Amino acid sequence: MTNIAIIGAGLSGLTAAKILNDYANITIFEKSRGVSGRMSTRLSEPYSFDHGAQYFKVRSEEFKEFITPMIFEGIIKPWDARFVEFKNSKITQRQKWAQSEPHYVGVPGMNSIAKELAKDLSVCLNVCVKKIKKKNDRWQLKDDQDKPLGEYDWVISTIPPEQALKVLPESIPFIKKISDFKMKSCFSLMLGFEKILPLEFDAAVVHGEDISWISVDNSKPGRNEKYSLLVHSTNQWSDEHFEDNHEHLIELLRNQTSKVINYDLSIAKHQAIHGWRFANIEKRRGETHYLDINQNIAVCGDWFIQGRVEAAFISGFEMANSLLNLLNLGEKGDK
């Protein structure tokens, strides 16, 4: 059996692993304590926050087919939110998502999707791959403590481009292409309340401010009833303030959100912030992944297309199927 190491347990990595798992021995390395990447959920009892991806739509038939079993099992459900748009602290547009195309979420959290995909996969958590090096035609991996992580026939990197550049050897043919990708950051402000706020929306896009998104996270299906707000900063503002003191950032984003919705949010019992260094990228067209059959290495991720959930799936899906075709792994191996 071909031995494949996948770096990163976000949706791209898990998608690729699910496709390849019947044909090769797959080992996934994830530096965090859980799977999901930016489809993460943070529990801060008694509150719950989807502090990464808020929802997703389905455009391709491949993605529809991929998620359908999880819809049947109730792991994915539509979020029929009351949606509004803000400009100059005023609501300029209203819409009920139940009357439009489905906006899906994981249940009871966005990370439930990744957890389901990770079942029956070999995932090594809290392991940061620091170095990969060729040895006798195989890739040797080491962690940040220089501890060997095994030798593999193929390595697939699904981490952000800036992180991939630090791990992948300079000898691979597409290293220069990877350096051309620049991701943007984002802050997630998490606010938990003891009482329900009198807001006229569940989800909102904000124009012309340093914040871009507000959602009543507990309005999503299967959530904790405790009232919680999730606010995203704009990418530009986050890039300019990423190294700032977090307490100061909480105050700035909280006050601006208060101004937009005309409600004092300083009463929040729980106030926290998370910075996503690599959160988004401008929409791109062209290749969805890189794959080199001479050095047995591949790279994929949502950043090839756009920082969206379906983009992560497409990149991992197309890379994995390209690899199957190249290796002629048309029949399931003996595992």
Protein backbone atom coordinates (compact mmCIF):
# COMPACT_ATOMS: atom_id res chain seq x y z
CA MET A 1 0.00 0.00 0.00
CA THR A 2 1.08 3.57 -0.73
CA ASN A 3 1.75 5.54 2.47
CA ILE A 4 0.54 9.15 2.35
CA ALA A 5 1.03 11.90 4.94
CA ILE A 6 -1.46 14.78 4.93
CA ILE A 7 -0.51 17.98 6.74
CA GLY A 8 -3.58 19.77 8.09
CA ALA A 9 -7.01 18.51 9.21
CA GLY A 10 -9.20 21.22 7.74
CA LEU A 11 -11.84 20.46 5.12
CA SER A 12 -9.35 20.16 2.23
CA GLY A 13 -7.21 17.64 4.10
CA LEU A 14 -10.15 15.63 5.38
CA THR A 15 -11.81 15.57 1.96
CA ALA A 16 -8.63 14.26 0.35
CA ALA A 17 -8.20 11.72 3.13
CA LYS A 18 -11.75 10.36 2.75
CA ILE A 19 -11.24 9.88 -0.99
CA LEU A 20 -7.79 8.29 -0.70
CA ASN A 21 -8.34 6.24 2.44
CA ASP A 22 -9.62 3.14 0.64
CA TYR A 23 -6.61 3.08 -1.66
CA ALA A 24 -3.66 4.03 0.55
CA ASN A 25 -2.50 4.22 4.16
CA ILE A 26 -3.32 7.77 5.23
CA THR A 27 -1.90 9.61 8.24
CA ILE A 28 -3.09 13.16 8.97
CA PHE A 29 -1.01 15.54 11.09
CA GLU A 30 -2.78 18.48 12.74
CA LYS A 31 -1.02 21.04 14.94
CA SER A 32 -4.23 22.00 16.80
CA ARG A 33 -6.00 20.00 19.48
CA GLY A 34 -8.92 19.26 17.18
CA VAL A 35 -9.85 18.86 13.54
CA SER A 36 -11.75 21.45 11.45
CA GLY A 37 -9.35 24.31 10.65
CA ARG A 38 -11.40 27.47 10.10
CA MET A 39 -14.65 25.50 10.42
CA SER A 40 -14.10 25.69 14.16
CA THR A 41 -16.40 26.00 17.15
CA ARG A 42 -15.33 27.38 20.51
CA LEU A 43 -17.09 26.32 23.69
CA SER A 44 -16.96 28.83 26.53
CA GLU A 45 -19.58 27.49 28.93
CA PRO A 46 -22.39 28.24 28.81
CA TYR A 47 -21.77 29.84 25.39
CA SER A 48 -20.87 28.40 22.01
CA PHE A 49 -19.38 30.26 19.04
CA ASP A 50 -18.67 29.32 15.42
CA HIS A 51 -15.72 31.68 15.38
CA GLY A 52 -14.50 30.73 11.91
CA ALA A 53 -16.72 29.92 8.92
CA GLN A 54 -20.29 31.02 9.60
CA TYR A 55 -22.19 28.99 7.02
CA PHE A 56 -21.78 27.64 3.51
CA LYS A 57 -23.71 27.25 0.28
CA VAL A 58 -23.61 24.40 -2.21
CA ARG A 59 -23.00 25.12 -5.89
CA SER A 60 -21.30 22.02 -7.37
CA GLU A 61 -22.84 18.58 -7.80
CA GLU A 62 -19.72 17.01 -6.28
CA PHE A 63 -20.07 18.98 -3.07
CA LYS A 64 -23.81 18.31 -2.92
CA GLU A 65 -23.19 14.58 -3.20
CA PHE A 66 -20.42 14.77 -0.58
CA ILE A 67 -22.55 16.45 2.11
CA THR A 68 -25.87 14.71 1.41
CA PRO A 69 -25.24 11.81 3.86
CA MET A 70 -24.50 14.34 6.62
CA ILE A 71 -27.71 16.21 5.83
CA PHE A 72 -29.68 12.97 6.19
CA GLU A 73 -27.95 12.28 9.51
CA GLY A 74 -28.68 15.78 10.84
CA ILE A 75 -25.02 16.75 11.07
CA ILE A 76 -25.68 19.51 8.52
CA LYS A 77 -28.84 21.62 8.54
CA PRO A 78 -30.02 24.81 6.83
CA TRP A 79 -29.83 28.02 8.85
CA ASP A 80 -33.04 29.92 8.09
CA ALA A 81 -31.75 33.23 9.39
CA ARG A 82 -33.32 36.66 9.31
CA PHE A 83 -30.65 38.40 7.24
CA VAL A 84 -30.01 42.14 6.98
CA GLU A 85 -27.40 44.53 5.60
CA PHE A 86 -26.16 47.57 7.50
CA LYS A 87 -24.84 50.84 6.08
CA ASN A 88 -24.26 53.97 8.17
CA SER A 89 -25.72 52.12 11.17
CA LYS A 90 -29.02 51.61 9.38
CA ILE A 91 -30.59 48.47 7.96
CA THR A 92 -30.74 48.88 4.19
CA GLN A 93 -31.93 45.43 3.17
CA ARG A 94 -33.84 42.52 4.71
CA GLN A 95 -34.21 38.93 3.61
CA LYS A 96 -35.31 35.58 5.02
CA TRP A 97 -32.86 32.87 4.07
CA ALA A 98 -35.65 30.29 4.24
CA GLN A 99 -36.98 31.87 1.03
CA SER A 100 -33.64 31.65 -0.81
CA GLU A 101 -31.01 28.99 -1.52
CA PRO A 102 -30.01 27.00 1.59
CA HIS A 103 -27.32 28.38 3.89
CA TYR A 104 -25.94 25.34 5.70
CA VAL A 105 -24.24 24.94 9.07
CA GLY A 106 -22.84 22.04 11.06
CA VAL A 107 -24.87 20.81 14.05
CA PRO A 108 -24.40 21.37 16.92
CA GLY A 109 -21.37 23.35 15.71
CA MET A 110 -19.52 23.98 12.46
CA ASN A 111 -16.76 21.65 13.65
CA SER A 112 -19.25 18.75 13.72
CA ILE A 113 -18.71 18.32 9.98
CA ALA A 114 -14.96 17.84 10.33
CA LYS A 115 -15.44 15.54 13.30
CA GLU A 116 -17.73 13.33 11.26
CA LEU A 117 -15.29 13.22 8.33
CA ALA A 118 -12.41 12.36 10.67
CA LYS A 119 -14.11 9.21 11.94
CA ASP A 120 -12.17 6.09 10.93
CA LEU A 121 -9.21 8.22 9.78
CA SER A 122 -5.78 8.18 11.38
CA VAL A 123 -5.41 11.73 12.75
CA CYS A 124 -2.48 12.81 14.92
CA LEU A 125 -3.50 15.92 16.89
CA ASN A 126 -1.20 18.44 18.57
CA VAL A 127 1.54 17.53 16.10
CA CYS A 128 3.20 20.37 14.21
CA VAL A 129 5.09 19.19 11.13
CA LYS A 130 8.17 21.37 10.99
CA LYS A 131 10.27 19.73 8.30
CA ILE A 132 10.00 17.26 5.44
CA LYS A 133 13.05 15.84 3.75
CA LYS A 134 13.67 13.23 1.06
CA LYS A 135 15.48 10.09 2.20
CA ASN A 136 15.94 7.08 -0.12
CA ASP A 137 13.06 8.22 -2.37
CA ARG A 138 10.68 8.62 0.57
CA TRP A 139 9.62 11.69 2.51
CA GLN A 140 10.78 11.84 6.12
CA LEU A 141 8.71 14.07 8.40
CA LYS A 142 9.81 15.68 11.68
CA ASP A 143 7.87 17.73 14.24
CA ASP A 144 8.83 21.02 15.91
CA GLN A 145 10.85 19.07 18.49
CA ASP A 146 12.82 17.38 15.69
CA LYS A 147 11.08 14.09 16.49
CA PRO A 148 10.67 11.72 13.50
CA LEU A 149 7.09 11.24 12.35
CA GLY A 150 7.73 8.44 9.90
CA GLU A 151 8.54 8.01 6.23
CA TYR A 152 5.98 8.30 3.43
CA ASP A 153 5.68 7.74 -0.31
CA TRP A 154 3.66 10.93 -0.77
CA VAL A 155 3.12 14.14 1.21
CA ILE A 156 0.07 16.36 0.76
CA SER A 157 0.14 19.83 2.31
CA THR A 158 -3.25 21.46 2.99
CA ILE A 159 -2.06 24.28 5.27
CA PRO A 160 -2.06 28.00 4.32
CA PRO A 161 0.60 29.05 1.79
CA GLU A 162 2.66 31.09 4.25
CA GLN A 163 2.91 28.06 6.54
CA ALA A 164 3.55 25.66 3.66
CA LEU A 165 6.56 27.70 2.55
CA LYS A 166 8.19 27.09 5.94
CA VAL A 167 7.67 23.32 5.74
CA LEU A 168 8.10 22.37 2.10
CA PRO A 169 11.61 22.06 0.62
CA GLU A 170 12.73 24.75 -1.83
CA SER A 171 13.45 22.08 -4.43
CA ILE A 172 9.82 21.36 -5.28
CA PRO A 173 8.84 22.83 -8.67
CA PHE A 174 5.87 24.94 -7.56
CA ILE A 175 7.45 26.60 -4.50
CA LYS A 176 7.68 29.97 -6.31
CA LYS A 177 4.00 29.78 -7.23
CA ILE A 178 3.05 29.21 -3.60
CA SER A 179 4.94 32.34 -2.56
CA ASP A 180 2.66 34.41 -4.80
CA PHE A 181 -0.38 33.63 -2.61
CA LYS A 182 -1.04 36.15 0.18
CA MET A 183 -3.84 35.45 2.64
CA LYS A 184 -5.61 38.09 4.71
CA SER A 185 -6.31 37.93 8.44
CA CYS A 186 -9.51 38.38 10.45
CA PHE A 187 -10.56 38.85 14.08
CA SER A 188 -13.53 37.07 15.62
CA LEU A 189 -15.16 38.84 18.56
CA MET A 190 -17.21 36.54 20.79
CA LEU A 191 -19.82 38.03 23.12
CA GLY A 192 -22.07 36.07 25.49
CA PHE A 193 -25.09 37.59 27.28
CA GLU A 194 -27.32 36.71 30.19
CA LYS A 195 -30.43 37.98 28.43
CA ILE A 196 -31.80 38.03 24.88
CA LEU A 197 -31.01 41.21 22.95
CA PRO A 198 -33.86 42.91 21.04
CA LEU A 199 -32.23 42.61 17.61
CA GLU A 200 -34.18 42.39 14.37
CA PHE A 201 -31.81 39.97 12.70
CA ASP A 202 -29.90 36.70 13.08
CA ALA A 203 -27.17 37.44 10.53
CA ALA A 204 -25.90 40.72 9.14
CA VAL A 205 -23.36 42.01 6.64
CA VAL A 206 -21.94 45.41 7.59
CA HIS A 207 -20.71 47.91 4.99
CA GLY A 208 -18.32 50.81 5.46
CA GLU A 209 -17.07 49.90 8.95
CA ASP A 210 -14.16 48.01 10.52
CA ILE A 211 -16.53 45.11 11.17
CA SER A 212 -17.98 43.09 8.29
CA TRP A 213 -20.28 40.53 9.90
CA ILE A 214 -22.54 40.07 12.94
CA SER A 215 -24.44 36.91 13.78
CA VAL A 216 -26.62 35.69 16.61
CA ASP A 217 -24.81 32.38 16.85
CA ASN A 218 -27.39 30.68 19.04
CA SER A 219 -30.01 31.24 16.32
CA LYS A 220 -28.40 28.46 14.31
CA PRO A 221 -30.06 25.01 14.53
CA GLY A 222 -29.05 22.76 17.41
CA ARG A 223 -27.24 25.47 19.36
CA ASN A 224 -27.06 26.28 23.04
CA GLU A 225 -29.93 28.56 24.02
CA LYS A 226 -27.60 31.04 25.74
CA TYR A 227 -27.53 34.27 23.74
CA SER A 228 -24.28 34.76 21.83
CA LEU A 229 -23.02 37.21 19.22
CA LEU A 230 -20.15 36.60 16.80
CA VAL A 231 -18.55 39.58 15.07
CA HIS A 232 -15.95 39.48 12.30
CA SER A 233 -13.62 42.37 11.53
CA THR A 234 -12.78 43.33 7.98
CA ASN A 235 -9.65 41.71 6.56
CA GLN A 236 -7.97 45.05 5.97
CA TRP A 237 -8.53 46.28 9.52
CA SER A 238 -7.29 43.00 10.94
CA ASP A 239 -4.12 43.11 8.82
CA GLU A 240 -3.40 46.59 10.20
CA HIS A 241 -4.05 45.66 13.84
CA PHE A 242 -3.08 42.00 14.09
CA GLU A 243 -0.29 42.55 16.62
CA ASP A 244 -2.33 44.91 18.84
CA ASN A 245 -3.29 44.14 22.43
CA HIS A 246 -6.32 41.85 22.50
CA GLU A 247 -8.10 43.67 25.32
CA HIS A 248 -7.87 46.87 23.32
CA LEU A 249 -9.13 45.10 20.19
CA ILE A 250 -12.13 43.70 22.08
CA GLU A 251 -13.05 47.20 23.19
CA LEU A 252 -12.66 48.69 19.71
CA LEU A 253 -14.70 46.02 17.92
CA ARG A 254 -17.33 45.83 20.67
CA ASN A 255 -17.84 49.62 20.63
CA GLN A 256 -18.12 49.73 16.85
CA THR A 257 -20.63 46.89 16.85
CA SER A 258 -22.61 48.76 19.53
CA LYS A 259 -22.68 51.81 17.28
CA VAL A 260 -23.82 49.84 14.24
CA ILE A 261 -26.72 48.07 15.97
CA ASN A 262 -27.47 50.95 18.36
CA TYR A 263 -27.23 48.79 21.46
CA ASP A 264 -24.66 48.88 24.26
CA LEU A 265 -22.78 45.59 24.15
CA SER A 266 -20.49 46.35 27.08
CA ILE A 267 -23.01 44.42 29.21
CA ALA A 268 -21.78 41.16 27.71
CA LYS A 269 -20.89 38.68 30.46
CA HIS A 270 -18.41 36.84 28.21
CA GLN A 271 -16.02 38.77 25.96
CA ALA A 272 -13.22 37.13 23.99
CA ILE A 273 -11.40 37.49 20.69
CA HIS A 274 -9.58 35.18 18.30
CA GLY A 275 -7.22 36.23 15.55
CA TRP A 276 -7.11 34.22 12.33
CA ARG A 277 -3.76 35.00 10.71
CA PHE A 278 -4.76 33.26 7.46
CA ALA A 279 -8.49 33.73 7.01
CA ASN A 280 -9.29 34.72 3.45
CA ILE A 281 -7.97 35.42 -0.02
CA GLU A 282 -9.28 37.22 -3.07
CA LYS A 283 -11.12 35.02 -5.56
CA ARG A 284 -8.79 33.34 -8.04
CA ARG A 285 -9.21 31.39 -11.23
CA GLY A 286 -6.96 28.69 -12.58
CA GLU A 287 -5.36 25.70 -10.86
CA THR A 288 -7.14 24.22 -7.83
CA HIS A 289 -4.05 22.40 -6.54
CA TYR A 290 -0.42 21.58 -7.32
CA LEU A 291 0.83 18.03 -7.77
CA ASP A 292 4.27 16.76 -8.79
CA ILE A 293 4.53 13.07 -9.60
CA ASN A 294 8.33 13.19 -9.87
CA GLN A 295 8.83 14.26 -6.25
CA ASN A 296 5.58 12.73 -4.93
CA ILE A 297 4.24 15.87 -3.34
CA ALA A 298 0.96 17.78 -3.62
CA VAL A 299 -0.56 20.98 -2.24
CA CYS A 300 -4.22 21.99 -1.93
CA GLY A 301 -6.42 24.34 0.07
CA ASP A 302 -9.24 26.85 -0.22
CA TRP A 303 -6.66 29.56 -0.96
CA PHE A 304 -6.32 28.23 -4.51
CA ILE A 305 -9.88 29.45 -5.18
CA GLN A 306 -11.30 31.63 -2.39
CA GLY A 307 -11.58 31.48 1.38
CA ARG A 308 -14.87 29.59 1.36
CA VAL A 309 -16.01 26.17 2.59
CA GLU A 310 -16.87 24.77 -0.83
CA ALA A 311 -13.56 26.05 -2.21
CA ALA A 312 -11.74 23.97 0.41
CA PHE A 313 -13.72 20.91 -0.63
CA ILE A 314 -13.14 21.44 -4.36
CA SER A 315 -9.39 21.82 -3.95
CA GLY A 316 -9.06 18.67 -1.84
CA PHE A 317 -11.49 16.72 -4.03
CA GLU A 318 -9.78 17.54 -7.32
CA MET A 319 -6.29 16.98 -5.94
CA ALA A 320 -7.20 13.57 -4.51
CA ASN A 321 -8.84 12.40 -7.72
CA SER A 322 -5.88 13.63 -9.77
CA LEU A 323 -3.58 11.61 -7.52
CA LEU A 324 -5.74 8.49 -7.87
CA ASN A 325 -5.57 8.77 -11.65
CA LEU A 326 -1.81 9.32 -11.68
CA LEU A 327 -1.13 6.36 -9.42
CA ASN A 328 -3.70 4.17 -11.19
CA LEU A 329 -5.28 3.38 -7.83
CA GLY A 330 -8.53 2.38 -9.39
CA GLU A 331 -9.15 -0.58 -7.11
CA LYS A 332 -9.33 -0.52 -3.36
CA GLY A 333 -6.22 -1.85 -1.69
CA ASP A 334 -5.87 -4.51 0.96
CA LYS A 335 -5.75 -2.60 4.23
